[in-house]
N, C-alpha and C. Protein backbone atom coordinates (compact mmCIF):
# COMPACT_ATOMS: atom_id res chain seq x y z
N MET A 1 0.64 -1.36 0.02
CA MET A 1 0.24 0.18 0.06
C MET A 1 0.65 1.44 -0.15
N ALA A 2 1.60 1.41 0.79
CA ALA A 2 2.82 2.39 0.82
C ALA A 2 3.49 2.47 -0.35
N GLY A 3 3.89 1.35 -1.21
CA GLY A 3 4.63 1.68 -2.32
C GLY A 3 3.48 2.44 -3.53
N LYS A 4 2.30 2.29 -3.21
CA LYS A 4 1.20 2.81 -4.42
C LYS A 4 1.09 4.10 -4.04
N VAL A 5 1.30 4.29 -2.93
CA VAL A 5 1.34 5.79 -2.41
C VAL A 5 2.49 6.75 -2.84
N GLN A 6 3.40 6.15 -2.61
CA GLN A 6 4.94 6.83 -2.99
C GLN A 6 4.82 6.87 -4.73
N GLU A 7 4.33 6.00 -5.68
CA GLU A 7 4.28 6.06 -6.59
C GLU A 7 3.09 6.99 -7.43
N ARG A 8 1.98 7.07 -6.51
CA ARG A 8 1.27 8.11 -7.15
C ARG A 8 2.05 9.56 -6.80
N LYS A 9 2.14 9.59 -5.46
CA LYS A 9 3.18 11.02 -5.04
C LYS A 9 3.72 11.26 -6.34
N ALA A 10 4.78 10.51 -6.52
CA ALA A 10 5.99 10.57 -7.65
C ALA A 10 5.47 10.79 -8.88
N ARG A 11 4.75 10.16 -9.31
CA ARG A 11 3.82 10.50 -10.53
C ARG A 11 3.41 11.96 -10.69
N LEU A 12 2.65 12.34 -9.53
CA LEU A 12 1.79 13.94 -9.35
C LEU A 12 3.06 14.64 -9.48
N ARG A 13 4.20 14.53 -8.74
CA ARG A 13 5.40 15.32 -8.72
C ARG A 13 5.88 15.65 -10.17
N GLU A 14 5.96 14.67 -10.84
CA GLU A 14 6.38 14.83 -12.57
C GLU A 14 5.34 15.63 -13.28
N THR A 15 4.27 15.09 -12.96
CA THR A 15 3.17 16.02 -13.92
C THR A 15 3.05 17.26 -13.42
N LEU A 16 3.61 17.93 -12.06
CA LEU A 16 3.68 19.15 -11.67
C LEU A 16 4.84 19.52 -12.40
N ILE A 17 5.65 19.16 -12.06
CA ILE A 17 6.92 19.44 -12.65
C ILE A 17 6.74 19.93 -14.37
N ASP A 18 6.00 18.63 -14.97
CA ASP A 18 5.92 19.31 -16.28
C ASP A 18 4.84 20.13 -16.47
N VAL A 19 3.59 20.38 -15.84
CA VAL A 19 3.25 21.56 -16.30
C VAL A 19 3.39 22.81 -15.85
N THR A 20 4.15 22.78 -14.74
CA THR A 20 4.96 24.40 -14.56
C THR A 20 6.19 24.55 -15.54
N GLU A 21 6.79 23.68 -15.66
CA GLU A 21 7.71 23.92 -17.25
C GLU A 21 7.03 24.33 -18.12
N ALA A 22 5.94 23.60 -18.49
CA ALA A 22 4.95 24.23 -20.05
C ALA A 22 4.69 25.52 -19.60
N GLN A 23 4.28 25.96 -18.65
CA GLN A 23 4.01 27.30 -18.10
C GLN A 23 4.83 28.39 -18.31
N ILE A 24 6.09 28.13 -17.67
CA ILE A 24 7.29 28.56 -17.70
C ILE A 24 7.51 29.04 -19.12
N VAL A 25 7.84 28.27 -19.78
CA VAL A 25 7.87 28.22 -21.36
C VAL A 25 7.16 29.16 -22.15
N SER A 26 5.83 29.07 -21.69
CA SER A 26 4.92 29.94 -22.50
C SER A 26 4.63 31.38 -22.17
N GLY A 27 4.88 31.50 -20.68
CA GLY A 27 4.44 32.93 -20.27
C GLY A 27 5.45 33.15 -19.19
N GLY A 28 6.48 32.51 -19.08
CA GLY A 28 7.77 33.25 -18.09
C GLY A 28 7.22 32.83 -16.51
N LEU A 29 8.03 33.25 -15.61
CA LEU A 29 8.20 32.76 -14.50
C LEU A 29 6.72 33.61 -13.79
N GLY A 30 6.62 34.75 -14.04
CA GLY A 30 5.57 35.55 -13.45
C GLY A 30 4.13 34.77 -13.78
N SER A 31 3.88 34.03 -14.82
CA SER A 31 2.59 33.35 -15.10
C SER A 31 2.16 32.26 -14.24
N ILE A 32 3.36 31.78 -13.06
CA ILE A 32 3.11 30.87 -12.38
C ILE A 32 2.11 30.95 -11.10
N LYS A 33 0.92 30.36 -11.27
CA LYS A 33 0.10 30.61 -10.07
C LYS A 33 -0.54 28.96 -9.90
N ALA A 34 -0.31 28.91 -8.68
CA ALA A 34 -0.62 27.45 -7.98
C ALA A 34 -1.92 27.24 -8.50
N ARG A 35 -3.02 27.76 -8.87
CA ARG A 35 -4.48 27.25 -9.21
C ARG A 35 -4.53 26.84 -10.07
N ASP A 36 -3.54 27.62 -11.32
CA ASP A 36 -3.77 26.97 -12.56
C ASP A 36 -2.82 25.72 -13.12
N ILE A 37 -2.01 26.02 -12.28
CA ILE A 37 -0.86 24.58 -12.20
C ILE A 37 -2.00 23.50 -11.90
N ALA A 38 -2.67 23.66 -10.75
CA ALA A 38 -3.24 22.40 -10.08
C ALA A 38 -4.44 21.92 -11.15
N LYS A 39 -5.08 23.17 -11.80
CA LYS A 39 -6.16 22.68 -12.64
C LYS A 39 -5.52 22.02 -13.89
N LYS A 40 -4.52 22.30 -14.39
CA LYS A 40 -3.72 21.92 -15.67
C LYS A 40 -3.30 20.60 -15.61
N ALA A 41 -2.92 20.40 -14.08
CA ALA A 41 -2.17 19.04 -13.69
C ALA A 41 -3.60 17.87 -13.31
N GLY A 42 -4.77 18.80 -13.11
CA GLY A 42 -5.77 17.85 -12.85
C GLY A 42 -5.91 17.16 -11.07
N CYS A 43 -5.20 18.13 -10.15
CA CYS A 43 -5.16 17.82 -9.10
C CYS A 43 -6.06 18.78 -8.29
N ALA A 44 -6.05 18.92 -7.06
CA ALA A 44 -6.82 19.95 -6.00
C ALA A 44 -5.23 20.76 -5.88
N LEU A 45 -5.90 21.81 -5.58
CA LEU A 45 -4.89 22.91 -4.99
C LEU A 45 -3.88 22.52 -4.00
N GLY A 46 -4.26 21.52 -3.04
CA GLY A 46 -3.98 21.09 -1.78
C GLY A 46 -2.68 19.85 -2.42
N ALA A 47 -3.14 19.63 -3.27
CA ALA A 47 -2.23 18.17 -3.72
C ALA A 47 -0.99 19.00 -3.90
N ILE A 48 -0.54 20.12 -4.71
CA ILE A 48 0.66 20.77 -4.89
C ILE A 48 1.90 20.59 -3.64
N TYR A 49 0.96 20.58 -2.41
CA TYR A 49 1.74 21.05 -1.25
C TYR A 49 1.72 19.86 -0.41
N THR A 50 1.39 18.39 -0.75
CA THR A 50 1.81 17.49 -0.74
C THR A 50 3.04 16.91 -1.41
N ALA A 51 3.01 17.39 -2.38
CA ALA A 51 4.23 17.32 -3.23
C ALA A 51 5.64 18.06 -3.14
N PHE A 52 5.41 19.08 -2.67
CA PHE A 52 6.39 20.39 -2.92
C PHE A 52 6.10 21.36 -1.64
N ALA A 53 6.98 21.65 -1.34
CA ALA A 53 6.98 22.58 0.24
C ALA A 53 6.21 24.17 -0.33
N ASP A 54 6.31 24.23 -1.40
CA ASP A 54 5.89 25.56 -1.88
C ASP A 54 6.68 25.80 -3.14
N ILE A 55 5.69 27.04 -3.59
CA ILE A 55 5.42 26.96 -5.48
C ILE A 55 7.10 27.15 -5.70
N ASN A 56 8.29 27.78 -4.92
CA ASN A 56 9.16 28.16 -5.05
C ASN A 56 9.94 26.37 -5.11
N ALA A 57 9.52 25.66 -4.53
CA ALA A 57 10.19 24.20 -4.43
C ALA A 57 9.75 23.72 -5.80
N LEU A 58 8.95 24.10 -6.00
CA LEU A 58 8.02 23.15 -7.80
C LEU A 58 9.11 24.04 -8.66
N VAL A 59 9.23 25.24 -8.71
CA VAL A 59 10.09 25.93 -9.61
C VAL A 59 11.40 25.41 -9.68
N MET A 60 11.93 25.28 -8.42
CA MET A 60 13.09 24.65 -8.48
C MET A 60 13.69 23.45 -9.01
N ALA A 61 12.56 22.51 -8.70
CA ALA A 61 12.36 21.25 -9.55
C ALA A 61 12.60 21.61 -10.87
N VAL A 62 11.95 22.04 -11.36
CA VAL A 62 11.73 22.95 -12.94
C VAL A 62 13.33 23.11 -13.33
N ASN A 63 13.54 23.94 -12.55
CA ASN A 63 15.10 24.58 -12.54
C ASN A 63 16.37 23.49 -12.39
N LEU A 64 16.06 22.38 -11.82
CA LEU A 64 16.94 21.21 -12.00
C LEU A 64 17.11 20.84 -13.08
N ARG A 65 16.14 20.58 -14.05
CA ARG A 65 16.05 20.01 -15.50
C ARG A 65 16.58 21.22 -16.19
N THR A 66 16.39 22.26 -15.84
CA THR A 66 16.67 23.55 -17.20
C THR A 66 18.40 23.43 -16.90
N PHE A 67 18.78 23.20 -15.37
CA PHE A 67 20.32 23.34 -15.31
C PHE A 67 21.02 22.23 -16.18
N GLN A 68 20.44 21.10 -15.81
CA GLN A 68 20.82 20.03 -16.45
C GLN A 68 20.72 20.02 -17.99
N LYS A 69 19.96 20.54 -18.53
CA LYS A 69 19.85 20.81 -20.18
C LYS A 69 21.24 22.09 -20.18
N LEU A 70 21.43 22.77 -19.45
CA LEU A 70 21.96 24.15 -19.77
C LEU A 70 23.71 23.29 -19.48
N GLY A 71 23.56 22.70 -18.57
CA GLY A 71 25.12 22.13 -18.36
C GLY A 71 25.56 21.22 -19.68
N ALA A 72 24.45 20.21 -20.41
CA ALA A 72 24.70 19.48 -21.08
C ALA A 72 25.22 20.67 -22.65
N ARG A 73 24.69 21.34 -22.73
CA ARG A 73 24.85 22.03 -24.10
C ARG A 73 26.33 22.52 -23.96
N VAL A 74 26.54 22.94 -22.58
CA VAL A 74 27.91 23.82 -22.12
C VAL A 74 28.81 22.53 -22.34
N THR A 75 28.81 21.44 -21.65
CA THR A 75 29.50 20.62 -21.85
C THR A 75 30.06 20.27 -23.40
N ALA A 76 29.05 19.84 -24.15
CA ALA A 76 29.16 19.63 -25.27
C ALA A 76 30.33 20.59 -26.31
N ALA A 77 29.86 21.92 -25.87
CA ALA A 77 30.60 23.08 -26.11
C ALA A 77 32.35 23.13 -25.80
N VAL A 78 32.42 22.47 -24.90
CA VAL A 78 33.52 22.40 -24.21
C VAL A 78 34.38 21.10 -24.96
N GLU A 79 33.54 20.19 -24.95
CA GLU A 79 34.30 18.88 -25.66
C GLU A 79 34.61 19.28 -27.33
N GLN A 80 33.88 19.80 -27.87
CA GLN A 80 34.20 20.10 -29.32
C GLN A 80 35.18 21.13 -29.29
N SER A 81 35.42 21.91 -28.21
CA SER A 81 36.66 22.72 -28.09
C SER A 81 37.96 22.55 -27.40
N LYS A 82 37.84 21.39 -27.43
CA LYS A 82 39.21 20.79 -26.80
C LYS A 82 40.02 20.90 -27.92
N GLY A 83 41.48 20.97 -27.43
CA GLY A 83 42.44 21.61 -28.13
C GLY A 83 42.91 23.01 -28.93
N GLU A 84 41.63 23.61 -28.91
CA GLU A 84 41.84 25.46 -29.00
C GLU A 84 42.24 25.78 -28.10
N THR A 85 42.61 27.08 -28.30
CA THR A 85 43.03 28.46 -27.77
C THR A 85 42.26 28.22 -26.42
N PRO A 86 42.77 28.94 -25.25
CA PRO A 86 42.13 28.80 -23.91
C PRO A 86 40.73 29.89 -24.30
N ASN A 87 41.12 31.00 -24.90
CA ASN A 87 40.40 31.95 -25.68
C ASN A 87 39.01 31.43 -26.47
N ALA A 88 39.45 30.75 -27.43
CA ALA A 88 38.51 29.74 -28.46
C ALA A 88 37.94 28.80 -27.18
N GLN A 89 38.26 28.30 -26.36
CA GLN A 89 37.24 27.85 -25.34
C GLN A 89 36.44 28.01 -24.86
N LEU A 90 36.54 29.76 -24.35
CA LEU A 90 35.61 30.40 -23.43
C LEU A 90 34.80 30.99 -24.42
N ILE A 91 35.08 31.34 -25.70
CA ILE A 91 34.04 31.69 -26.47
C ILE A 91 33.11 30.48 -26.76
N ALA A 92 33.83 29.26 -27.29
CA ALA A 92 32.83 28.26 -27.28
C ALA A 92 31.83 28.01 -26.22
N MET A 93 32.22 28.10 -24.97
CA MET A 93 31.07 28.07 -23.90
C MET A 93 30.25 28.95 -24.08
N SER A 94 30.60 30.49 -24.25
CA SER A 94 29.73 31.44 -24.16
C SER A 94 28.65 31.43 -25.05
N LYS A 95 29.03 31.13 -26.29
CA LYS A 95 28.15 30.83 -27.52
C LYS A 95 27.27 29.52 -27.27
N ALA A 96 27.52 28.62 -26.30
CA ALA A 96 26.69 27.73 -26.12
C ALA A 96 25.72 28.23 -24.90
N TYR A 97 26.17 29.02 -24.04
CA TYR A 97 25.21 29.82 -23.03
C TYR A 97 24.16 30.61 -23.60
N LEU A 98 24.86 31.30 -24.71
CA LEU A 98 23.96 32.34 -25.26
C LEU A 98 22.95 31.82 -26.04
N GLY A 99 23.53 30.45 -26.98
CA GLY A 99 22.10 29.57 -27.83
C GLY A 99 21.07 29.05 -26.82
N PHE A 100 21.48 28.34 -25.81
CA PHE A 100 20.59 28.00 -24.93
C PHE A 100 19.70 29.27 -24.32
N ALA A 101 20.31 30.37 -23.67
CA ALA A 101 19.37 31.33 -23.52
C ALA A 101 18.49 31.79 -24.33
N VAL A 102 18.67 31.64 -25.75
CA VAL A 102 17.87 32.61 -26.70
C VAL A 102 16.90 31.18 -26.95
N ASP A 103 17.29 29.68 -26.78
CA ASP A 103 16.28 29.11 -27.34
C ASP A 103 15.82 28.54 -26.00
N ASN A 104 15.69 28.86 -24.97
CA ASN A 104 15.18 28.60 -23.82
C ASN A 104 14.90 29.91 -22.81
N THR A 105 14.65 30.93 -23.35
CA THR A 105 14.48 32.30 -22.70
C THR A 105 13.89 32.53 -21.41
N HIS A 106 12.91 31.68 -21.59
CA HIS A 106 11.78 31.77 -20.21
C HIS A 106 12.37 31.03 -19.22
N LEU A 107 12.43 29.86 -19.63
CA LEU A 107 13.34 28.85 -18.77
C LEU A 107 14.97 29.28 -17.90
N TRP A 108 15.50 29.63 -18.81
CA TRP A 108 16.68 30.44 -18.42
C TRP A 108 16.46 31.68 -17.24
N ARG A 109 15.70 32.36 -17.88
CA ARG A 109 15.44 33.42 -16.67
C ARG A 109 14.92 33.03 -15.49
N ALA A 110 14.58 31.88 -15.57
CA ALA A 110 13.87 31.25 -14.51
C ALA A 110 15.14 30.67 -13.35
N LEU A 111 15.67 30.43 -13.74
CA LEU A 111 17.22 29.67 -13.20
C LEU A 111 17.66 31.35 -12.21
N PHE A 112 17.50 32.37 -12.46
CA PHE A 112 18.10 33.72 -11.94
C PHE A 112 16.91 34.59 -11.05
N ASP A 113 15.96 34.41 -11.83
CA ASP A 113 14.47 35.55 -11.50
C ASP A 113 13.66 34.89 -10.19
N LEU A 114 14.30 33.64 -9.99
CA LEU A 114 13.55 32.86 -8.53
C LEU A 114 14.03 33.75 -7.55
N ASP A 115 13.39 34.11 -6.46
CA ASP A 115 13.64 35.01 -5.18
C ASP A 115 14.57 34.01 -4.34
N MET A 116 15.96 34.18 -4.54
CA MET A 116 16.86 33.25 -4.36
C MET A 116 18.04 34.00 -3.46
N SER A 117 18.81 33.72 -2.74
CA SER A 117 19.35 34.70 -2.19
C SER A 117 20.79 33.81 -1.47
N VAL A 118 21.96 34.10 -1.39
CA VAL A 118 23.05 33.51 -0.68
C VAL A 118 22.75 33.10 0.93
N GLU A 119 21.77 33.89 1.05
CA GLU A 119 21.46 33.59 2.64
C GLU A 119 20.47 32.88 2.83
N SER A 120 19.63 32.42 1.69
CA SER A 120 18.62 31.44 2.04
C SER A 120 19.29 30.25 1.47
N ALA A 121 18.42 29.30 1.70
CA ALA A 121 18.54 27.73 1.81
C ALA A 121 18.60 27.30 0.25
N VAL A 122 19.77 27.52 -0.17
CA VAL A 122 19.99 26.98 -1.49
C VAL A 122 20.24 25.58 -1.43
N PRO A 123 19.60 24.66 -2.77
CA PRO A 123 19.53 23.36 -2.68
C PRO A 123 21.09 23.00 -2.81
N ASP A 124 21.58 21.73 -2.76
CA ASP A 124 22.82 21.57 -2.69
C ASP A 124 23.11 21.23 -4.31
N TRP A 125 22.25 20.66 -5.24
CA TRP A 125 22.14 20.35 -6.66
C TRP A 125 22.30 21.97 -7.25
N TYR A 126 21.85 22.79 -6.58
CA TYR A 126 21.91 24.28 -7.83
C TYR A 126 23.50 24.62 -7.51
N MET A 127 24.11 24.33 -6.05
CA MET A 127 25.22 25.14 -6.25
C MET A 127 25.93 23.80 -6.83
N GLN A 128 26.05 22.77 -7.07
CA GLN A 128 26.81 21.82 -7.83
C GLN A 128 26.67 22.06 -8.95
N ALA A 129 25.56 22.32 -9.68
CA ALA A 129 25.34 22.76 -10.97
C ALA A 129 25.91 24.00 -11.27
N LEU A 130 25.84 25.11 -10.62
CA LEU A 130 26.84 26.31 -10.79
C LEU A 130 28.36 26.09 -10.48
N GLY A 131 28.53 24.85 -9.92
CA GLY A 131 29.98 24.70 -9.22
C GLY A 131 30.85 24.21 -10.88
N GLN A 132 29.60 23.31 -11.30
CA GLN A 132 30.27 22.61 -12.75
C GLN A 132 30.64 23.57 -13.88
N LEU A 133 29.43 24.43 -14.06
CA LEU A 133 29.85 25.40 -14.58
C LEU A 133 30.60 26.29 -14.75
N PHE A 134 30.97 26.84 -13.02
CA PHE A 134 32.26 27.45 -13.00
C PHE A 134 33.25 26.89 -13.18
N ALA A 135 33.37 25.53 -13.17
CA ALA A 135 34.63 24.29 -13.24
C ALA A 135 35.17 24.21 -14.71
N HIS A 136 34.24 24.68 -15.79
CA HIS A 136 34.41 24.45 -17.12
C HIS A 136 34.90 25.57 -17.43
N ILE A 137 34.57 26.99 -16.83
CA ILE A 137 35.19 28.03 -16.80
C ILE A 137 36.65 28.35 -16.64
N GLU A 138 36.97 27.50 -15.31
CA GLU A 138 38.46 27.44 -14.93
C GLU A 138 39.25 27.10 -15.94
N VAL A 139 38.90 25.81 -16.37
CA VAL A 139 39.92 25.17 -17.11
C VAL A 139 40.75 26.11 -18.08
N PRO A 140 40.04 27.01 -19.22
CA PRO A 140 40.93 27.62 -19.97
C PRO A 140 41.54 28.92 -19.06
N LEU A 141 41.19 29.55 -18.01
CA LEU A 141 41.46 30.41 -17.28
C LEU A 141 42.88 30.14 -16.42
N VAL A 142 42.72 29.03 -16.10
CA VAL A 142 44.28 28.12 -15.26
C VAL A 142 45.32 28.17 -16.75
N GLN A 143 44.86 27.85 -17.85
CA GLN A 143 45.80 27.94 -18.83
C GLN A 143 46.72 29.59 -19.15
N LEU A 144 45.41 30.41 -19.35
CA LEU A 144 45.86 31.62 -19.52
C LEU A 144 46.40 32.41 -18.47
N PHE A 145 46.23 31.97 -17.07
CA PHE A 145 46.76 32.38 -15.98
C PHE A 145 47.19 31.40 -14.74
N PRO A 146 48.40 30.82 -15.36
CA PRO A 146 48.81 29.66 -14.50
C PRO A 146 49.34 29.87 -12.90
N ASP A 147 49.54 30.93 -12.55
CA ASP A 147 50.22 31.20 -11.64
C ASP A 147 49.12 32.25 -10.79
N LEU A 148 48.10 32.25 -11.27
CA LEU A 148 46.93 33.09 -10.36
C LEU A 148 46.89 32.43 -8.89
N PRO A 149 46.91 32.97 -7.55
CA PRO A 149 46.24 32.31 -6.54
C PRO A 149 44.52 31.58 -6.87
N ALA A 150 44.36 30.70 -6.22
CA ALA A 150 43.01 30.28 -5.88
C ALA A 150 41.86 30.88 -5.79
N ASP A 151 42.23 31.97 -5.02
CA ASP A 151 40.84 32.80 -4.72
C ASP A 151 40.94 33.79 -5.63
N GLU A 152 41.80 33.97 -6.32
CA GLU A 152 41.92 35.42 -7.39
C GLU A 152 41.35 34.43 -8.24
N LEU A 153 42.08 33.50 -8.81
CA LEU A 153 41.21 32.51 -9.81
C LEU A 153 39.58 32.58 -9.78
N ASP A 154 38.98 31.81 -8.68
CA ASP A 154 37.45 31.90 -8.37
C ASP A 154 36.72 33.17 -8.78
N LEU A 155 37.83 34.38 -8.33
CA LEU A 155 37.09 35.87 -8.23
C LEU A 155 36.84 35.75 -9.87
N MET A 156 38.16 35.53 -10.97
CA MET A 156 38.06 35.75 -12.29
C MET A 156 36.75 35.06 -12.74
N VAL A 157 36.69 33.81 -12.55
CA VAL A 157 35.83 33.04 -13.02
C VAL A 157 34.26 33.75 -12.93
N ARG A 158 34.32 33.66 -11.75
CA ARG A 158 32.98 34.62 -11.23
C ARG A 158 32.79 35.51 -12.35
N ALA A 159 33.34 36.61 -12.52
CA ALA A 159 33.50 37.72 -13.15
C ALA A 159 33.26 37.60 -14.40
N LEU A 160 33.86 36.52 -15.14
CA LEU A 160 33.74 36.36 -16.43
C LEU A 160 32.42 36.02 -16.77
N PHE A 161 31.73 35.17 -15.89
CA PHE A 161 30.54 34.51 -15.47
C PHE A 161 29.39 35.19 -15.85
N SER A 162 29.73 36.33 -14.76
CA SER A 162 28.65 37.48 -14.65
C SER A 162 28.45 38.66 -16.06
N SER A 163 30.12 38.63 -16.54
CA SER A 163 30.14 39.58 -17.44
C SER A 163 29.21 38.98 -18.91
N VAL A 164 29.39 37.69 -19.00
CA VAL A 164 28.85 37.08 -19.72
C VAL A 164 27.50 37.61 -19.62
N HIS A 165 27.01 36.78 -18.54
CA HIS A 165 25.58 36.89 -18.21
C HIS A 165 24.69 37.70 -18.53
N GLY A 166 25.68 39.13 -17.84
CA GLY A 166 24.83 40.22 -18.02
C GLY A 166 24.53 40.47 -19.68
N ILE A 167 25.81 40.85 -20.37
CA ILE A 167 25.66 41.00 -21.89
C ILE A 167 24.48 40.01 -22.95
N VAL A 168 24.57 38.84 -21.97
CA VAL A 168 23.20 38.46 -22.50
C VAL A 168 22.04 38.76 -22.23
N LEU A 169 21.81 38.76 -20.66
CA LEU A 169 20.36 39.49 -20.44
C LEU A 169 19.94 40.63 -20.83
N LEU A 170 21.03 41.62 -20.63
CA LEU A 170 20.82 42.96 -21.21
C LEU A 170 20.45 42.84 -22.68
N GLY A 171 20.99 41.99 -23.82
CA GLY A 171 20.75 41.72 -25.17
C GLY A 171 19.33 41.17 -25.42
N LEU A 172 18.82 40.00 -24.69
CA LEU A 172 17.39 39.56 -24.97
C LEU A 172 16.88 40.20 -24.36
N GLN A 173 16.82 41.08 -23.31
CA GLN A 173 15.98 42.19 -22.78
C GLN A 173 15.53 43.17 -23.79
N ASN A 174 16.27 43.50 -24.71
CA ASN A 174 16.08 44.57 -25.45
C ASN A 174 16.04 45.93 -24.90
N ARG A 175 16.70 45.87 -23.84
CA ARG A 175 16.61 47.03 -23.24
C ARG A 175 17.58 48.16 -23.98
N ILE A 176 16.94 49.73 -23.46
CA ILE A 176 18.10 50.78 -24.19
C ILE A 176 19.49 50.40 -23.30
N SER A 177 20.21 49.74 -23.96
CA SER A 177 21.67 49.52 -23.38
C SER A 177 22.64 49.56 -24.38
N ALA A 178 23.79 48.96 -24.41
CA ALA A 178 24.84 49.03 -25.34
C ALA A 178 25.12 47.67 -25.74
N VAL A 179 23.78 46.78 -25.52
CA VAL A 179 23.80 45.46 -26.03
C VAL A 179 22.71 45.45 -27.16
N PRO A 180 23.26 46.03 -28.68
CA PRO A 180 22.15 45.51 -29.51
C PRO A 180 22.13 43.83 -29.53
N SER A 181 20.55 43.59 -29.96
CA SER A 181 20.51 41.96 -29.88
C SER A 181 21.09 41.24 -30.76
N ASP A 182 21.20 42.09 -32.04
CA ASP A 182 22.15 40.97 -33.04
C ASP A 182 23.23 41.31 -33.04
N GLN A 183 24.36 41.80 -31.82
CA GLN A 183 25.74 41.41 -31.66
C GLN A 183 26.02 41.12 -30.24
N ILE A 184 25.18 40.28 -29.70
CA ILE A 184 25.32 40.01 -28.64
C ILE A 184 26.86 39.08 -28.68
N GLU A 185 26.66 38.07 -29.47
CA GLU A 185 28.08 37.56 -29.93
C GLU A 185 28.97 37.81 -30.27
N MET A 186 29.08 38.74 -31.08
CA MET A 186 30.24 39.50 -31.19
C MET A 186 30.83 40.16 -30.16
N MET A 187 29.90 41.03 -29.21
CA MET A 187 30.23 41.40 -27.94
C MET A 187 31.24 40.94 -27.14
N ILE A 188 30.48 39.73 -27.09
CA ILE A 188 30.97 38.50 -25.87
C ILE A 188 32.19 38.15 -26.53
N GLY A 189 32.19 37.89 -27.97
CA GLY A 189 33.69 37.20 -28.58
C GLY A 189 34.98 38.38 -28.05
N GLN A 190 34.44 39.86 -28.43
CA GLN A 190 35.42 40.64 -28.21
C GLN A 190 35.98 40.43 -26.82
N LEU A 191 35.08 40.29 -25.82
CA LEU A 191 35.58 40.57 -24.42
C LEU A 191 36.47 39.37 -24.51
N LEU A 192 35.77 38.01 -24.76
CA LEU A 192 36.84 37.11 -24.05
C LEU A 192 37.69 36.70 -24.80
N SER A 193 38.02 37.34 -26.06
CA SER A 193 39.46 37.31 -26.91
C SER A 193 40.31 38.21 -26.29
N GLN A 194 39.79 39.32 -25.36
CA GLN A 194 41.18 39.99 -25.04
C GLN A 194 41.70 39.42 -23.96
N ILE A 195 41.26 38.30 -23.03
CA ILE A 195 41.78 38.13 -21.53
C ILE A 195 42.88 37.34 -22.19
N GLY A 196 43.89 37.57 -21.46
CA GLY A 196 45.08 36.96 -21.28
C GLY A 196 46.21 37.70 -21.52
């Protein structure tokens, strides 16, 4: 009996994740409403909270999927750029990151738009996924700066990620900024080719 209950709960969790992911894809993170999710999932509103602690936890489950897809895209770029210069490797990773953001804009935005800070309880998997992304960036930077102390290297990794992320974000938002959307890739390439 307990096995069937767990199986039903697992199916409900997957259905809720699927429905929430589809809602984020179509309307962005701001379109998430618990009642709508419950209706589309074919369950009572309260059933969401038997499967997840709250809506943020449900969105985090979607974000786990998104991080896995993003990680796979960046890892593929890393593999394809092996043997190239460190700058070319960084550019290949940034193109993969940009491509993912363009292809999955709402899901990508949900990774960063969810109300979360370093003071909040961030799941281990989230920090591991971010750490894997940073580890990819670190490899070519070590080649460019072999004598850089570990703490400075970590700061440089985060600075580069933040720079590329900011260029992508501003470019995709089509805000009045110095990032024309049709030149995002070129701007990132100019930045990364000058490192070292």
